[in-house]
Protein backbone atom coordinates (compact mmCIF):
# COMPACT_ATOMS: atom_id res chain seq x y z
CA MET A 1 -54.29 36.86 123.92
CA ASN A 2 -57.31 37.87 126.05
CA ARG A 3 -59.11 34.48 124.79
CA THR A 4 -61.35 32.81 127.45
CA ALA A 5 -59.98 30.39 129.38
CA LYS A 6 -60.36 28.01 132.02
CA ILE A 7 -58.99 25.30 134.66
CA THR A 8 -60.79 22.03 135.39
CA LEU A 9 -59.97 20.07 138.75
CA GLU A 10 -59.82 16.53 138.97
CA ASP A 11 -63.07 17.13 141.30
CA GLY A 12 -65.06 18.64 138.72
CA THR A 13 -64.72 22.23 139.86
CA ILE A 14 -63.82 24.91 136.66
CA TYR A 15 -62.20 28.33 137.16
CA SER A 16 -62.73 30.59 134.65
CA GLY A 17 -60.17 33.33 133.69
CA VAL A 18 -58.35 34.79 130.55
CA SER A 19 -55.33 33.27 128.50
CA PHE A 20 -52.10 35.32 128.41
CA GLY A 21 -49.68 33.25 127.69
CA TYR A 22 -49.13 30.29 124.97
CA GLU A 23 -51.80 30.00 123.24
CA CYS A 24 -52.06 25.73 124.01
CA ASN A 25 -53.92 23.25 126.52
CA ALA A 26 -51.97 21.82 128.96
CA GLY A 27 -52.61 18.86 131.51
CA GLY A 28 -50.83 18.28 134.88
CA GLU A 29 -50.96 17.93 138.45
CA ILE A 30 -52.11 21.36 140.24
CA VAL A 31 -50.11 23.13 142.99
CA PHE A 32 -49.70 26.07 144.53
CA ASN A 33 -46.88 28.29 145.89
CA THR A 34 -47.22 31.08 148.02
CA GLY A 35 -43.99 32.96 147.74
CA MET A 36 -44.35 37.05 147.03
CA THR A 37 -41.93 37.40 144.49
CA GLY A 38 -38.78 35.32 142.95
CA TYR A 39 -41.57 34.05 139.82
CA VAL A 40 -38.32 34.01 137.52
CA GLU A 41 -36.58 31.36 139.99
CA THR A 42 -39.97 29.73 140.50
CA LEU A 43 -41.43 28.83 136.82
CA SER A 44 -37.50 27.80 135.78
CA ASP A 45 -36.87 25.40 139.08
CA PRO A 46 -37.29 21.64 137.75
CA SER A 47 -38.74 20.25 140.62
CA TYR A 48 -42.29 22.57 139.04
CA ARG A 49 -41.72 20.07 135.79
CA GLY A 50 -45.03 18.36 134.31
CA GLN A 51 -47.53 20.46 137.25
CA ILE A 52 -49.78 23.55 136.74
CA LEU A 53 -48.78 26.20 139.06
CA VAL A 54 -50.97 28.84 141.29
CA LEU A 55 -48.75 31.55 142.48
CA THR A 56 -51.35 33.07 145.28
CA TYR A 57 -49.37 36.32 145.17
CA PRO A 58 -52.30 38.94 143.47
CA LEU A 59 -49.72 40.66 141.07
CA ILE A 60 -46.84 38.69 138.67
CA GLY A 61 -45.03 40.20 136.40
CA ASN A 62 -44.64 43.85 137.62
CA TYR A 63 -40.82 43.62 137.21
CA GLY A 64 -40.35 41.41 134.01
CA VAL A 65 -38.11 38.95 133.16
CA PRO A 66 -34.32 39.86 132.84
CA ALA A 67 -31.99 38.40 130.05
CA GLU A 68 -30.33 35.26 129.83
CA THR A 69 -26.61 36.99 130.59
CA LEU A 70 -26.81 39.42 133.20
CA HIS A 71 -24.32 41.93 133.63
CA THR A 72 -25.54 43.94 135.95
CA GLY A 73 -23.58 42.26 139.17
CA LEU A 74 -26.51 40.69 140.26
CA PRO A 75 -26.64 37.08 140.56
CA HIS A 76 -28.19 35.21 138.19
CA PRO A 77 -32.43 34.48 138.96
CA TYR A 78 -32.78 31.13 136.11
CA GLU A 79 -32.50 27.89 138.47
CA SER A 80 -32.45 25.89 134.55
CA PRO A 81 -32.08 26.46 131.24
CA ALA A 82 -36.03 26.69 130.41
CA MET A 83 -39.04 27.35 132.11
CA GLN A 84 -40.27 24.08 133.36
CA ILE A 85 -44.04 24.10 134.25
CA GLN A 86 -46.87 22.92 132.00
CA GLY A 87 -49.04 25.76 133.14
CA LEU A 88 -49.16 28.71 134.74
CA ILE A 89 -52.48 30.50 137.06
CA VAL A 90 -52.03 33.94 138.09
CA SER A 91 -54.92 36.27 139.71
CA ARG A 92 -53.54 39.73 137.92
CA TYR A 93 -50.96 39.95 135.60
CA GLU A 94 -49.29 43.39 134.90
CA ASP A 95 -47.86 43.37 131.25
CA LYS A 96 -46.21 46.63 132.01
CA TYR A 97 -43.49 45.66 133.75
CA SER A 98 -40.45 48.01 135.82
CA HIS A 99 -37.10 46.88 136.45
CA PHE A 100 -33.74 47.73 135.27
CA ALA A 101 -32.38 44.32 134.73
CA ALA A 102 -35.41 43.46 132.63
CA GLU A 103 -35.61 42.53 129.11
CA LYS A 104 -38.92 41.38 128.55
CA SER A 105 -42.19 40.62 129.86
CA LEU A 106 -43.58 37.41 131.86
CA ARG A 107 -46.08 37.05 128.83
CA GLU A 108 -42.98 37.02 126.10
CA TRP A 109 -41.12 34.42 128.16
CA LEU A 110 -44.48 32.01 128.57
CA VAL A 111 -44.73 32.02 124.97
CA GLU A 112 -41.02 31.92 124.23
CA SER A 113 -41.73 28.67 126.36
CA LYS A 114 -44.57 27.31 125.05
CA VAL A 115 -46.76 27.44 128.18
CA PRO A 116 -50.24 28.28 128.40
CA ALA A 117 -51.16 31.14 131.46
CA ILE A 118 -54.48 31.82 132.53
CA MET A 119 -54.79 35.03 134.73
CA ARG A 120 -57.97 36.92 136.45
CA VAL A 121 -58.82 33.42 138.56
CA ASP A 122 -59.35 33.93 142.04
CA THR A 123 -57.14 31.75 143.21
CA ARG A 124 -57.59 32.65 146.71
CA SER A 125 -60.53 30.13 146.26
CA LEU A 126 -58.58 27.76 144.41
CA THR A 127 -55.98 27.63 146.99
CA LYS A 128 -58.44 26.54 149.40
CA ARG A 129 -60.19 24.22 147.46
CA ILE A 130 -56.37 22.23 146.52
CA ARG A 131 -55.95 22.40 150.59
CA GLU A 132 -59.30 21.20 150.81
CA LYS A 133 -58.83 18.28 148.39
CA GLY A 134 -55.48 17.78 148.18
CA THR A 135 -53.16 17.99 144.85
CA MET A 136 -55.12 16.70 141.64
CA ILE A 137 -54.71 16.48 137.83
CA SER A 138 -56.23 19.33 136.34
CA GLU A 139 -56.28 20.89 132.62
CA ILE A 140 -55.89 24.23 131.55
CA SER A 141 -58.38 24.96 128.28
CA ILE A 142 -58.25 27.76 125.99
CA GLU A 143 -61.39 28.69 123.61
CA GLY A 144 -60.80 28.10 120.54
CA VAL A 145 -57.36 26.26 120.87
CA SER A 146 -56.81 22.59 120.10
CA VAL A 147 -53.34 22.30 120.20
CA HIS A 148 -52.54 20.09 123.60
CA LYS A 149 -49.17 20.95 125.30
CA GLU A 150 -47.58 17.39 126.05
CA ASP A 151 -48.23 15.42 128.98
CA VAL A 152 -45.80 14.46 131.34
CA ASP A 153 -45.14 11.16 132.74
CA MET A 154 -44.31 11.89 136.27
CA ARG A 155 -43.10 8.45 136.33
CA ARG A 156 -39.79 9.11 134.14
CA VAL A 157 -39.70 13.07 135.17
CA VAL A 158 -36.40 12.99 136.30
CA SER A 159 -35.24 11.78 133.43
CA LEU A 160 -36.25 14.72 131.43
CA VAL A 161 -34.87 17.55 133.64
CA SER A 162 -31.32 15.64 134.83
CA LYS A 163 -28.64 16.73 132.36
CA SER A 164 -27.26 13.67 130.54
CA GLY A 165 -23.24 13.48 130.21
CA ILE A 166 -20.48 14.68 133.05
CA TYR A 167 -19.72 17.76 133.79
CA GLU A 168 -16.82 19.77 135.37
CA TYR A 169 -16.95 23.03 137.63
CA ASN A 170 -13.71 23.93 138.81
CA GLY A 171 -13.53 25.96 142.45
CA ASP A 172 -10.38 26.51 144.72
CA ARG A 173 -8.18 24.11 143.40
CA SER A 174 -6.07 24.40 146.48
CA MET A 175 -8.72 22.99 148.87
CA GLY A 176 -8.31 19.57 147.43
CA LYS A 177 -11.97 18.76 147.52
CA ARG A 178 -14.24 17.37 145.08
CA VAL A 179 -18.00 16.85 145.51
CA MET A 180 -19.67 14.36 142.96
CA LEU A 181 -23.03 16.29 142.58
CA ILE A 182 -25.82 13.79 141.33
CA ASP A 183 -28.19 15.43 138.92
CA CYS A 184 -31.60 14.71 139.84
CA GLY A 185 -32.81 18.24 138.68
CA VAL A 186 -30.32 19.89 140.24
CA LYS A 187 -30.99 24.20 140.77
CA HIS A 188 -28.16 26.32 139.52
CA ASN A 189 -27.71 27.59 143.20
CA ILE A 190 -26.57 24.50 144.24
CA ILE A 191 -23.77 24.81 142.18
CA ARG A 192 -23.13 28.52 142.97
CA SER A 193 -22.93 27.64 146.68
CA LEU A 194 -20.59 24.82 146.34
CA LEU A 195 -18.67 26.86 144.09
CA LYS A 196 -18.55 30.28 146.17
CA ARG A 197 -16.97 27.69 149.35
CA GLY A 198 -14.04 26.21 147.01
CA VAL A 199 -14.99 23.03 146.08
CA ASP A 200 -14.43 21.53 142.26
CA ILE A 201 -17.62 19.45 141.32
CA VAL A 202 -18.33 16.85 139.03
CA ARG A 203 -21.69 16.58 138.11
CA VAL A 204 -23.56 13.41 136.85
CA PRO A 205 -26.87 12.13 136.10
CA TYR A 206 -28.88 10.72 138.58
CA ASP A 207 -28.56 7.43 136.39
CA PHE A 208 -25.11 7.37 136.76
CA ASP A 209 -23.64 4.12 138.58
CA PHE A 210 -21.12 5.73 141.05
CA SER A 211 -21.24 2.45 143.27
CA SER A 212 -19.31 1.16 140.64
CA ASP A 213 -17.06 4.63 139.79
CA ASP A 214 -17.00 7.64 142.56
CA MET A 215 -14.76 10.10 140.48
CA ASP A 216 -12.25 10.22 143.19
CA CYS A 217 -14.63 12.49 144.44
CA SER A 218 -14.75 13.87 148.53
CA GLY A 219 -18.35 13.19 149.18
CA ILE A 220 -21.44 13.29 147.09
CA LEU A 221 -24.39 15.88 146.96
CA ILE A 222 -27.94 14.29 145.87
CA SER A 223 -30.22 17.14 144.57
CA ASN A 224 -32.93 18.37 144.55
CA GLY A 225 -35.68 17.48 141.59
CA PRO A 226 -39.57 16.22 140.48
CA GLY A 227 -41.82 13.45 141.34
CA ASP A 228 -41.92 10.63 143.70
CA PRO A 229 -38.73 8.97 144.94
CA LYS A 230 -39.77 5.48 144.18
CA ASP A 231 -39.32 6.16 140.96
CA LEU A 232 -35.96 5.77 141.35
CA PRO A 233 -34.90 2.46 143.04
CA GLN A 234 -31.61 2.06 141.27
CA LEU A 235 -30.59 5.93 142.40
CA VAL A 236 -31.76 4.57 146.32
CA LYS A 237 -29.55 1.70 145.93
CA ASN A 238 -26.38 3.10 144.86
CA ILE A 239 -26.68 5.75 147.22
CA SER A 240 -27.07 2.90 149.86
CA PHE A 241 -23.92 1.63 148.82
CA ALA A 242 -22.27 5.13 148.84
CA ILE A 243 -23.49 5.09 152.53
CA LYS A 244 -22.11 1.79 153.41
CA ASN A 245 -18.44 2.44 152.02
CA LYS A 246 -18.75 5.61 154.67
CA LYS A 247 -18.90 8.35 151.97
CA ALA A 248 -19.75 12.11 152.95
CA VAL A 249 -23.23 12.29 151.35
CA PHE A 250 -25.83 15.39 151.76
CA GLY A 251 -28.91 15.11 150.02
CA ILE A 252 -31.19 18.28 149.28
CA CYS A 253 -35.12 17.79 149.03
CA LEU A 254 -35.52 14.54 146.69
CA GLY A 255 -32.05 13.72 147.83
CA HIS A 256 -33.34 13.69 151.31
CA GLN A 257 -35.87 11.91 150.74
CA LEU A 258 -33.76 9.08 148.76
CA ILE A 259 -31.29 8.61 151.67
CA ALA A 260 -34.23 7.98 154.02
CA LEU A 261 -35.10 5.07 151.59
CA ALA A 262 -31.58 3.50 150.78
CA THR A 263 -31.19 3.93 154.64
CA ASP A 264 -34.71 1.39 155.13
CA GLY A 265 -37.04 4.40 155.95
CA ASP A 266 -40.24 5.61 154.11
CA THR A 267 -41.33 8.51 151.99
CA TYR A 268 -45.37 9.69 151.65
CA LYS A 269 -47.21 11.84 149.21
CA MET A 270 -48.25 14.96 151.17
CA ARG A 271 -51.58 16.50 150.84
CA TYR A 272 -50.64 19.82 149.17
CA GLY A 273 -46.96 19.90 149.93
CA HIS A 274 -45.11 22.70 150.98
CA ARG A 275 -44.58 25.23 148.18
CA SER A 276 -43.18 29.08 149.10
CA GLN A 277 -40.33 31.14 150.78
CA ASN A 278 -41.59 31.25 154.29
CA GLN A 279 -41.63 27.68 155.84
CA PRO A 280 -40.37 28.09 159.28
CA VAL A 281 -38.27 24.66 160.15
CA LYS A 282 -36.36 23.96 163.98
CA SER A 283 -33.45 21.53 164.71
CA VAL A 284 -34.33 19.81 167.07
CA ILE A 285 -31.11 19.11 168.51
CA GLU A 286 -29.54 22.88 168.48
CA ASN A 287 -33.22 23.93 169.24
CA GLN A 288 -32.60 27.03 166.60
CA SER A 289 -35.42 27.94 164.06
CA PHE A 290 -35.07 29.14 160.40
CA ILE A 291 -37.32 30.65 157.79
CA THR A 292 -36.65 28.42 154.88
CA SER A 293 -37.74 27.86 150.75
CA GLN A 294 -38.83 24.60 149.89
CA ASN A 295 -40.82 23.18 147.15
CA HIS A 296 -41.90 19.19 147.33
CA GLY A 297 -44.99 17.39 147.26
CA TYR A 298 -43.79 14.27 149.54
CA ALA A 299 -41.94 13.51 152.86
CA VAL A 300 -40.09 11.60 155.32
CA ARG A 301 -42.25 9.64 157.61
CA ARG A 302 -41.54 10.64 160.97
CA ASP A 303 -42.97 6.81 162.19
CA ARG A 304 -40.29 5.61 159.88
CA LEU A 305 -36.87 7.46 160.44
CA PRO A 306 -34.13 5.20 159.43
CA LYS A 307 -31.77 2.89 161.82
CA ASP A 308 -28.87 4.89 163.18
CA PHE A 309 -30.35 8.10 162.21
CA PHE A 310 -31.47 10.62 164.51
CA GLU A 311 -34.24 13.43 163.05
CA TRP A 312 -32.32 16.90 162.47
CA PHE A 313 -35.51 19.30 161.73
CA ILE A 314 -39.42 19.25 162.12
CA ASN A 315 -41.90 22.10 160.09
CA VAL A 316 -42.95 24.26 162.96
CA ASN A 317 -46.29 24.49 160.78
CA ASP A 318 -47.11 21.13 160.33
CA GLU A 319 -44.54 18.93 162.29
CA THR A 320 -43.67 17.00 159.28
CA ASN A 321 -39.52 15.96 159.20
CA GLU A 322 -37.27 18.48 157.89
CA GLY A 323 -34.24 16.68 157.99
CA ILE A 324 -32.12 13.66 159.37
CA ARG A 325 -28.63 13.29 160.47
CA HIS A 326 -26.64 9.76 160.99
CA LYS A 327 -25.22 9.24 164.32
CA ARG A 328 -22.12 7.62 163.44
CA LEU A 329 -21.22 8.95 159.80
CA ARG A 330 -20.73 11.92 158.03
CA VAL A 331 -24.56 11.68 156.28
CA MET A 332 -26.83 14.11 156.45
CA SER A 333 -29.85 15.62 154.53
CA VAL A 334 -32.46 18.37 154.85
CA GLN A 335 -36.57 18.37 152.82
CA PHE A 336 -35.89 22.28 152.33
CA HIS A 337 -33.39 24.60 150.30
CA PRO A 338 -30.44 25.44 151.83
CA GLU A 339 -29.31 27.19 148.70
CA ALA A 340 -32.73 29.09 148.76
CA PHE A 341 -33.07 31.54 145.83
CA PRO A 342 -36.20 32.37 145.77
CA GLY A 343 -35.90 33.32 149.59
CA PRO A 344 -33.83 33.29 152.89
CA VAL A 345 -30.66 32.63 152.76
CA ASP A 346 -31.09 31.24 157.06
CA ALA A 347 -29.91 27.49 156.21
CA GLY A 348 -27.07 28.35 153.67
CA VAL A 349 -24.89 27.47 156.73
CA LEU A 350 -25.54 23.94 155.74
CA PHE A 351 -23.15 24.12 152.58
CA ASP A 352 -20.16 24.99 155.07
CA GLU A 353 -21.37 21.82 157.28
CA PHE A 354 -21.27 19.29 154.54
CA VAL A 355 -17.74 21.28 153.15
CA ASP A 356 -16.23 20.73 156.47
CA MET A 357 -17.07 16.87 156.09
CA LEU A 358 -14.86 16.61 153.41
């Protein structure tokens, strides 16, 4: 700890700081999150795989990191079994934590996870730079350290976060509703949100051919995940098949983008994306607004919405698309995270709507 370190951006800009995580160098796409809390949930979110994350809130680490198994009655904060980021950049890190559920410091978790981190960085200036120039490939380097963390091939990043094999979770069997969950890097709270509503779940990997075997499921949920949706052409074909066969389909985040591609819509890479817990979205249909949790760098083109779909939600800040819905079939998708965690639970009602469609 306390070695000098720096983050070098693709445009040549350098920001200096001090190392406080695992001592290795690392490269990846640099992005920022403006949330004021929830760093445990954020760092374990599979949608951040392969990215260097800047946390804009100026105080990080003050409530530590909880045990992997909680006995407090609190919801479990981990959104996957491991830390997913390539590296972490913060302004101020607090090693002395205070929280009744904390088991270790953030620094200890970073070291265990072999993730480098830099503190005492001017994150305000860095974030403004990313907003001006857009998301860039960047490099963390620590003075006197030659070890380099393995780079992530973002063209196949989903294969790194999608769990291989088939797993079943039992809800309320009396409901008789069973959902196939396509795991593109699913957040655990999506699973919790479905089980809370009594449905059974069969979780399959992203490359499972559900066009030939739907496991006798009432509907399909396509999860969040990292990377460019256009790097998953076979999954796009499988989704197209399911929709043509009139399955109930719900897409979240990456799942939303994949549904758009599967129905002849289009997606694009955003300048710097949406990553926070306070993104306002508006339902075009109900004229109702929600505050939502988001984490994505790609979006669905509003000028290329799929045929027979209507726009469901838009982002109040920049008017990007946040959701689509089929005019006749049981197909809907949203760009934001209705399971939140961290974030507001305003949009949790969408899980109820999906269960009602089954």
